[in-house]
Amino acid sequence: DVVWYANDGTGVFGAAHVVSADLPGVASVYAADLDGDGHLDLLVASALDDTVAWYPNDGSGGFGAQQMITDQANRAWFVVAGDIDGDGDADAVAASSGDDSVAWFPNDGSGAFGEPRLVGESTPDGPRLVSPVALHLVDLDGDGDLDLIRASGSGHTVSWYPNPGDGEFEAARVISDGVQSPVAVDTADVDGDGDLDVLVAGNGWAEPGLAWYSNDGQGTFGPAQVIAGRAIAALSLADLDGDGDIDIAGTSSFVLEVFLNAPACWPE
């Protein structure tokens, strides 16, 4: 099922509101305004149904019927949305673990999506772009458009694809090949130099399990700065201690952990 819970403003959540009860194997959900009406719709990936679809929000939290984007995404595993081609609307991006592919779907602005456009493929001398398990859209090189970060779980690689602004992504550039089984990526200005650095969480048995990579502002990244050696299965970023910098909440072996951003806690 896909459901949402209403927050009363104090952190108390009400009963589940069902968006969909007939989509099997939902692996990923992402909120974005896909039809340009100012309301957050839901973009969904179904691994068992090979489906990427979205549900329109009427503005009061009521969701309409499923709007199909594709039913040919081989084990659709992860979805995000953002303006890939610079036309002012949110396009859809999906990772399919069944055929190791990542594709984006251009939005005409009303929520009608075009044919998939593949993003990168493995080459003999390139990074192992297999098992895409996480995606992140962000401007890494400071040119004003959305680039794409891809975590390849069994490839033990996190790479990014520069976007020249029209969605014709360039070849993959490796950020990390040292975090085993990466499962989550996010970005923040960790070192306070004005650009976005990359944080990677890995769920493998080898160290490190959580690391960050310093960005020089143009998309070139330094070596891994290890935050935790043990496996981390998920991460969320926020200023948890109110000191003006980004801290991390992560899960590890059924435990919720907090990593505060301070010289004594994170390597410089």
Foldseek 3Di string as FASTA:
>chain_A
DDWDWDDPPPRDTDDTDDQDDPQAQWAEKEWDPAAQPPGTKIWTQHQVQCFTWIWDDPRVRHTDDIGTPDSNQHRWHYKDWDDQAQPPGIWIWIARQRVLWIWIWDGPNRNHTHDTDTDEDDDPPDQDSHQWQDKDWDDQAPPPHTKMWTDHFQSQWIWIWDRPRGNPTDHTDTQDNDAHRWRDKDWDQLPPPPGIKMWTAHQDAFDDRIWIWDGPNRNDTDDTFGQGTHHWNDKDWDQPPPPPHIKIWTDDPNDIDIQHRDVVRTPD
